[in-house]
C-alpha atoms as a PDB file:
ATOM      1  CA  MET A   1     144.391  74.893  89.999  1.00  0.00           C
ATOM      2  CA  THR A   2     144.524  74.020  93.700  1.00  0.00           C
ATOM      3  CA  PHE A   3     148.304  73.583  93.441  1.00  0.00           C
ATOM      4  CA  ASP A   4     149.168  76.403  91.003  1.00  0.00           C
ATOM      5  CA  TRP A   5     149.889  73.834  88.281  1.00  0.00           C
ATOM      6  CA  PRO A   6     151.600  74.074  85.800  1.00  0.00           C
ATOM      7  CA  ASP A   7     153.544  77.141  87.019  1.00  0.00           C
ATOM      8  CA  ILE A   8     154.688  75.319  90.151  1.00  0.00           C
ATOM      9  CA  LEU A   9     156.556  72.808  87.975  1.00  0.00           C
ATOM     10  CA  ARG A  10     159.318  75.368  87.549  1.00  0.00           C
ATOM     11  CA  ALA A  11     159.432  76.481  91.191  1.00  0.00           C
ATOM     12  CA  PRO A  12     162.408  75.488  93.434  1.00  0.00           C
ATOM     13  CA  ALA A  13     162.228  72.828  96.127  1.00  0.00           C
ATOM     14  CA  ASP A  14     161.905  75.370  98.955  1.00  0.00           C
ATOM     15  CA  VAL A  15     158.635  76.535  97.362  1.00  0.00           C
ATOM     16  CA  VAL A  16     157.212  73.241  96.114  1.00  0.00           C
ATOM     17  CA  LEU A  17     157.874  70.928  99.063  1.00  0.00           C
ATOM     18  CA  PRO A  18     156.232  73.119 101.740  1.00  0.00           C
ATOM     19  CA  ARG A  19     153.217  73.419  99.421  1.00  0.00           C
ATOM     20  CA  VAL A  20     153.089  69.635  99.083  1.00  0.00           C
ATOM     21  CA  ALA A  21     153.275  69.208 102.842  1.00  0.00           C
ATOM     22  CA  ALA A  22     150.557  71.807 103.388  1.00  0.00           C
ATOM     23  CA  GLY A  23     148.307  70.115 100.829  1.00  0.00           C
ATOM     24  CA  GLY A  24     148.247  66.903 102.828  1.00  0.00           C
ATOM     25  CA  ALA A  25     146.225  63.858 101.864  1.00  0.00           C
ATOM     26  CA  SER A  26     143.689  65.827  99.819  1.00  0.00           C
ATOM     27  CA  LEU A  27     146.421  67.013  97.463  1.00  0.00           C
ATOM     28  CA  VAL A  28     147.794  63.472  97.120  1.00  0.00           C
ATOM     29  CA  TRP A  29     144.338  62.142  96.230  1.00  0.00           C
ATOM     30  CA  THR A  30     143.864  64.985  93.765  1.00  0.00           C
ATOM     31  CA  TRP A  31     147.051  64.003  91.947  1.00  0.00           C
ATOM     32  CA  PHE A  32     146.003  60.339  92.102  1.00  0.00           C
ATOM     33  CA  ALA A  33     142.712  61.220  90.401  1.00  0.00           C
ATOM     34  CA  VAL A  34     144.404  63.432  87.806  1.00  0.00           C
ATOM     35  CA  ALA A  35     146.901  60.696  86.944  1.00  0.00           C
ATOM     36  CA  TRP A  36     144.425  57.871  86.438  1.00  0.00           C
ATOM     37  CA  THR A  37     141.873  60.088  84.709  1.00  0.00           C
ATOM     38  CA  TYR A  38     144.537  60.981  82.160  1.00  0.00           C
ATOM     39  CA  ALA A  39     145.460  57.295  81.856  1.00  0.00           C
ATOM     40  CA  VAL A  40     141.967  56.582  80.475  1.00  0.00           C
ATOM     41  CA  LEU A  41     143.154  58.321  77.296  1.00  0.00           C
ATOM     42  CA  ALA A  42     145.030  55.125  76.424  1.00  0.00           C
ATOM     43  CA  VAL A  43     141.711  53.385  75.730  1.00  0.00           C
ATOM     44  CA  PRO A  44     140.547  55.532  72.771  1.00  0.00           C
ATOM     45  CA  ILE A  45     144.104  55.687  71.452  1.00  0.00           C
ATOM     46  CA  LEU A  46     144.274  51.888  71.329  1.00  0.00           C
ATOM     47  CA  LEU A  47     140.755  51.567  69.868  1.00  0.00           C
ATOM     48  CA  LEU A  48     141.133  54.280  67.209  1.00  0.00           C
ATOM     49  CA  PRO A  49     142.439  51.987  64.408  1.00  0.00           C
ATOM     50  CA  ALA A  50     139.330  49.806  64.795  1.00  0.00           C
ATOM     51  CA  ALA A  51     137.029  52.840  64.972  1.00  0.00           C
ATOM     52  CA  LEU A  52     138.512  54.144  61.714  1.00  0.00           C
ATOM     53  CA  ALA A  53     138.443  50.665  60.158  1.00  0.00           C
ATOM     54  CA  ARG A  54     142.191  50.931  59.520  1.00  0.00           C
ATOM     55  CA  ARG A  55     143.636  48.112  61.613  1.00  0.00           C
ATOM     56  CA  GLY A  56     146.028  47.210  58.808  1.00  0.00           C
ATOM     57  CA  ASP A  57     147.464  50.728  58.390  1.00  0.00           C
ATOM     58  CA  PRO A  58     151.146  50.403  59.413  1.00  0.00           C
ATOM     59  CA  ALA A  59     151.550  54.141  60.067  1.00  0.00           C
ATOM     60  CA  LEU A  60     148.520  54.199  62.343  1.00  0.00           C
ATOM     61  CA  ARG A  61     149.713  51.037  64.097  1.00  0.00           C
ATOM     62  CA  VAL A  62     153.082  52.625  64.920  1.00  0.00           C
ATOM     63  CA  ALA A  63     151.388  55.856  65.955  1.00  0.00           C
ATOM     64  CA  THR A  64     149.090  53.898  68.278  1.00  0.00           C
ATOM     65  CA  TYR A  65     152.083  52.394  70.058  1.00  0.00           C
ATOM     66  CA  LEU A  66     153.606  55.863  70.380  1.00  0.00           C
ATOM     67  CA  GLY A  67     150.373  57.307  71.725  1.00  0.00           C
ATOM     68  CA  ALA A  68     149.956  54.542  74.293  1.00  0.00           C
ATOM     69  CA  ALA A  69     153.589  54.960  75.378  1.00  0.00           C
ATOM     70  CA  SER A  70     153.045  58.702  75.799  1.00  0.00           C
ATOM     71  CA  VAL A  71     150.147  58.043  78.175  1.00  0.00           C
ATOM     72  CA  LEU A  72     152.299  55.658  80.227  1.00  0.00           C
ATOM     73  CA  LEU A  73     155.111  58.207  80.492  1.00  0.00           C
ATOM     74  CA  ALA A  74     152.678  60.967  81.476  1.00  0.00           C
ATOM     75  CA  LEU A  75     151.165  58.646  84.086  1.00  0.00           C
ATOM     76  CA  ILE A  76     154.620  58.115  85.594  1.00  0.00           C
ATOM     77  CA  GLY A  77     155.125  61.873  85.674  1.00  0.00           C
ATOM     78  CA  PHE A  78     151.794  62.492  87.403  1.00  0.00           C
ATOM     79  CA  LEU A  79     152.169  59.688  89.935  1.00  0.00           C
ATOM     80  CA  ARG A  80     155.458  61.153  91.191  1.00  0.00           C
ATOM     81  CA  TRP A  81     153.250  63.586  93.078  1.00  0.00           C
ATOM     82  CA  VAL A  82     151.561  60.648  94.797  1.00  0.00           C
ATOM     83  CA  PHE A  83     154.462  58.314  95.610  1.00  0.00           C
ATOM     84  CA  VAL A  84     157.577  60.521  95.643  1.00  0.00           C
ATOM     85  CA  ALA A  85     156.742  64.138  96.449  1.00  0.00           C
ATOM     86  CA  PRO A  86     154.957  63.585  99.811  1.00  0.00           C
ATOM     87  CA  ALA A  87     157.845  61.568 101.288  1.00  0.00           C
ATOM     88  CA  LEU A  88     160.360  64.187 100.203  1.00  0.00           C
ATOM     89  CA  ALA A  89     158.146  66.951 101.554  1.00  0.00           C
ATOM     90  CA  ASP A  90     157.935  65.258 104.969  1.00  0.00           C
ATOM     91  CA  SER A  91     161.719  64.844 105.126  1.00  0.00           C
ATOM     92  CA  TYR A  92     162.208  68.446 104.057  1.00  0.00           C
ATOM     93  CA  MET A  93     159.812  69.903 106.612  1.00  0.00           C
ATOM     94  CA  ASN A  94     161.114  67.786 109.516  1.00  0.00           C
ATOM     95  CA  GLY A  95     164.827  67.948 108.708  1.00  0.00           C
ATOM     96  CA  ASP A  96     167.646  70.235 109.729  1.00  0.00           C
ATOM     97  CA  GLU A  97     169.495  72.492 107.303  1.00  0.00           C
ATOM     98  CA  GLY A  98     171.733  69.702 106.017  1.00  0.00           C
ATOM     99  CA  THR A  99     168.792  67.363 105.508  1.00  0.00           C
ATOM    100  CA  ARG A 100     166.867  70.037 103.652  1.00  0.00           C
ATOM    101  CA  ALA A 101     169.772  70.628 101.304  1.00  0.00           C
ATOM    102  CA  ALA A 102     169.997  66.893 100.569  1.00  0.00           C
ATOM    103  CA  VAL A 103     166.255  66.571 100.070  1.00  0.00           C
ATOM    104  CA  ALA A 104     166.235  69.593  97.764  1.00  0.00           C
ATOM    105  CA  ALA A 105     168.909  67.929  95.618  1.00  0.00           C
ATOM    106  CA  ALA A 106     166.922  64.679  95.581  1.00  0.00           C
ATOM    107  CA  TRP A 107     163.792  66.606  94.623  1.00  0.00           C
ATOM    108  CA  THR A 108     165.543  68.285  91.705  1.00  0.00           C
ATOM    109  CA  ALA A 109     166.936  64.970  90.444  1.00  0.00           C
ATOM    110  CA  GLN A 110     163.632  63.120  90.454  1.00  0.00           C
ATOM    111  CA  HIS A 111     161.756  66.159  89.171  1.00  0.00           C
ATOM    112  CA  GLN A 112     164.033  66.516  86.163  1.00  0.00           C
ATOM    113  CA  TYR A 113     164.060  62.783  85.422  1.00  0.00           C
ATOM    114  CA  GLY A 114     160.500  61.726  86.135  1.00  0.00           C
ATOM    115  CA  GLY A 115     158.883  65.031  85.284  1.00  0.00           C
ATOM    116  CA  ALA A 116     160.838  67.025  82.712  1.00  0.00           C
ATOM    117  CA  LEU A 117     162.416  64.069  80.871  1.00  0.00           C
ATOM    118  CA  LEU A 118     159.810  61.288  81.013  1.00  0.00           C
ATOM    119  CA  GLY A 119     156.464  62.978  81.571  1.00  0.00           C
ATOM    120  CA  GLU A 120     156.953  66.250  79.731  1.00  0.00           C
ATOM    121  CA  HIS A 121     159.667  65.819  77.088  1.00  0.00           C
ATOM    122  CA  LEU A 122     159.165  62.216  75.952  1.00  0.00           C
ATOM    123  CA  GLY A 123     155.490  61.997  76.901  1.00  0.00           C
ATOM    124  CA  GLN A 124     154.541  65.134  75.014  1.00  0.00           C
ATOM    125  CA  LEU A 125     156.709  64.376  71.983  1.00  0.00           C
ATOM    126  CA  LEU A 126     155.161  60.923  71.585  1.00  0.00           C
ATOM    127  CA  ALA A 127     151.661  62.366  71.993  1.00  0.00           C
ATOM    128  CA  ILE A 128     152.430  64.967  69.334  1.00  0.00           C
ATOM    129  CA  GLY A 129     153.796  62.270  67.038  1.00  0.00           C
ATOM    130  CA  TRP A 130     150.553  60.324  67.461  1.00  0.00           C
ATOM    131  CA  SER A 131     148.318  63.321  66.807  1.00  0.00           C
ATOM    132  CA  VAL A 132     150.313  64.431  63.736  1.00  0.00           C
ATOM    133  CA  THR A 133     150.079  60.944  62.229  1.00  0.00           C
ATOM    134  CA  VAL A 134     146.339  60.697  62.915  1.00  0.00           C
ATOM    135  CA  SER A 135     145.797  64.164  61.435  1.00  0.00           C
ATOM    136  CA  ILE A 136     147.680  63.302  58.245  1.00  0.00           C
ATOM    137  CA  ILE A 137     145.695  60.070  57.899  1.00  0.00           C
ATOM    138  CA  ILE A 138     142.470  62.074  58.248  1.00  0.00           C
ATOM    139  CA  LEU A 139     143.575  64.488  55.516  1.00  0.00           C
ATOM    140  CA  ARG A 140     144.664  61.732  53.136  1.00  0.00           C
ATOM    141  CA  SER A 141     141.845  59.259  53.716  1.00  0.00           C
ATOM    142  CA  HIS A 142     138.922  61.719  53.834  1.00  0.00           C
ATOM    143  CA  LEU A 143     137.378  59.611  56.592  1.00  0.00           C
ATOM    144  CA  MET A 144     136.542  62.831  58.427  1.00  0.00           C
ATOM    145  CA  PRO A 145     136.230  66.501  57.482  1.00  0.00           C
ATOM    146  CA  ALA A 146     139.530  68.075  56.467  1.00  0.00           C
ATOM    147  CA  TRP A 147     139.268  70.673  59.223  1.00  0.00           C
ATOM    148  CA  ALA A 148     139.733  67.891  61.806  1.00  0.00           C
ATOM    149  CA  GLY A 149     143.097  67.066  60.270  1.00  0.00           C
ATOM    150  CA  TRP A 150     144.185  70.678  60.071  1.00  0.00           C
ATOM    151  CA  LEU A 151     143.069  71.354  63.650  1.00  0.00           C
ATOM    152  CA  GLY A 152     145.121  68.375  64.811  1.00  0.00           C
ATOM    153  CA  LEU A 153     148.210  69.657  63.009  1.00  0.00           C
ATOM    154  CA  LEU A 154     147.708  73.163  64.413  1.00  0.00           C
ATOM    155  CA  ALA A 155     147.242  71.866  67.965  1.00  0.00           C
ATOM    156  CA  SER A 156     150.319  69.667  67.602  1.00  0.00           C
ATOM    157  CA  ALA A 157     152.448  72.539  66.319  1.00  0.00           C
ATOM    158  CA  VAL A 158     151.424  74.860  69.143  1.00  0.00           C
ATOM    159  CA  TYR A 159     151.860  72.098  71.726  1.00  0.00           C
ATOM    160  CA  LEU A 160     155.357  71.448  70.390  1.00  0.00           C
ATOM    161  CA  THR A 161     156.399  74.974  71.411  1.00  0.00           C
ATOM    162  CA  ASN A 162     156.110  73.853  75.047  1.00  0.00           C
ATOM    163  CA  GLN A 163     159.326  71.902  74.515  1.00  0.00           C
ATOM    164  CA  GLY A 164     161.143  75.209  74.816  1.00  0.00           C
ATOM    165  CA  ASP A 165     159.999  75.555  78.413  1.00  0.00           C
ATOM    166  CA  ILE A 166     161.102  71.985  79.150  1.00  0.00           C
ATOM    167  CA  LEU A 167     164.504  72.327  77.487  1.00  0.00           C
ATOM    168  CA  ALA A 168     165.080  75.599  79.334  1.00  0.00           C
ATOM    169  CA  THR A 169     165.253  73.582  82.565  1.00  0.00           C
ATOM    170  CA  ALA A 170     168.443  71.976  81.225  1.00  0.00           C
ATOM    171  CA  ILE A 171     169.805  74.558  78.778  1.00  0.00           C
ATOM    172  CA  SER A 172     170.125  78.042  80.199  1.00  0.00           C
ATOM    173  CA  GLY A 173     168.758  80.736  77.926  1.00  0.00           C
ATOM    174  CA  PHE A 174     166.780  78.377  75.680  1.00  0.00           C
ATOM    175  CA  PRO A 175     163.944  80.406  74.098  1.00  0.00           C
ATOM    176  CA  VAL A 176     160.586  79.967  75.815  1.00  0.00           C
ATOM    177  CA  TRP A 177     157.075  80.923  74.696  1.00  0.00           C
ATOM    178  CA  ASP A 178     155.320  81.219  78.044  1.00  0.00           C
ATOM    179  CA  VAL A 179     151.788  80.485  76.830  1.00  0.00           C
ATOM    180  CA  GLY A 180     152.822  77.700  74.452  1.00  0.00           C
ATOM    181  CA  GLY A 181     152.182  74.838  76.848  1.00  0.00           C
ATOM    182  CA  LEU A 182     148.838  76.091  78.122  1.00  0.00           C
ATOM    183  CA  LEU A 183     147.515  77.092  74.705  1.00  0.00           C
ATOM    184  CA  GLY A 184     148.841  73.927  73.084  1.00  0.00           C
ATOM    185  CA  SER A 185     147.325  71.618  75.698  1.00  0.00           C
ATOM    186  CA  TYR A 186     143.923  73.321  75.415  1.00  0.00           C
ATOM    187  CA  LEU A 187     143.977  73.136  71.617  1.00  0.00           C
ATOM    188  CA  TRP A 188     145.046  69.497  71.777  1.00  0.00           C
ATOM    189  CA  ALA A 189     142.212  68.703  74.194  1.00  0.00           C
ATOM    190  CA  LEU A 190     139.742  70.544  71.938  1.00  0.00           C
ATOM    191  CA  TRP A 191     140.938  68.465  68.981  1.00  0.00           C
ATOM    192  CA  LEU A 192     140.500  65.235  70.968  1.00  0.00           C
ATOM    193  CA  ILE A 193     136.929  66.211  71.856  1.00  0.00           C
ATOM    194  CA  ALA A 194     136.179  67.100  68.232  1.00  0.00           C
ATOM    195  CA  LEU A 195     137.670  63.787  67.105  1.00  0.00           C
ATOM    196  CA  GLY A 196     135.469  61.912  69.557  1.00  0.00           C
ATOM    197  CA  VAL A 197     132.323  63.710  68.395  1.00  0.00           C
ATOM    198  CA  LEU A 198     133.138  62.996  64.752  1.00  0.00           C
ATOM    199  CA  LEU A 199     133.742  59.319  65.521  1.00  0.00           C
ATOM    200  CA  LEU A 200     130.391  59.063  67.295  1.00  0.00           C
ATOM    201  CA  ARG A 201     128.616  60.730  64.376  1.00  0.00           C
ATOM    202  CA  ARG A 202     130.411  58.388  61.971  1.00  0.00           C
ATOM    203  CA  ALA A 203     129.367  55.359  63.997  1.00  0.00           C
ATOM    204  CA  ASN A 204     125.733  56.524  64.105  1.00  0.00           C
ATOM    205  CA  SER A 205     125.775  57.187  60.364  1.00  0.00           C
ATOM    206  CA  ASN A 206     127.119  53.705  59.646  1.00  0.00           C
ATOM    207  CA  ALA A 207     124.498  52.186  61.946  1.00  0.00           C
ATOM    208  CA  HIS A 208     121.754  53.728  59.855  1.00  0.00           C
END
């Protein structure tokens, strides 16, 4: 919110880099906190097979690897704003016209590779693959209420529409649903919270 995220992801270098420079150390620390807070998601992903008592489920095992990989890729995408963006912003703000043009090209290259490709495209697809698999397991195993499985599938489907916005950065004219990413991410987060609550209730029930 302090950096106009996620809309600023699609802004050009001459908009983004001055904003990064103006944000200073507080913005860098904000991104650092966002990155490592998101990285904590790897813990419940890795522990989910044990929590569901399905360590031997091959589908869930593969999905767990995919989910953990998605967190790693997202972490790389977030940490670009800590280790890459500030240095480019400094060079851009202190350089002449030729330097700014070179820095803008460097910004675009790393932004498309580390952000659009790794963090957004691959990171989100792997996360969606994990959530779809978990949702199907919920529906088939009846370990949790069926609505949890259906909510996971719905959140995954809506979140998948954000790929249009990502692909549009490489393919001109690719169809984009502007609210897909925001709505999908909120639904996905809501599903994660619901999943956590259900797991806690299941653990308490088993304890008694």
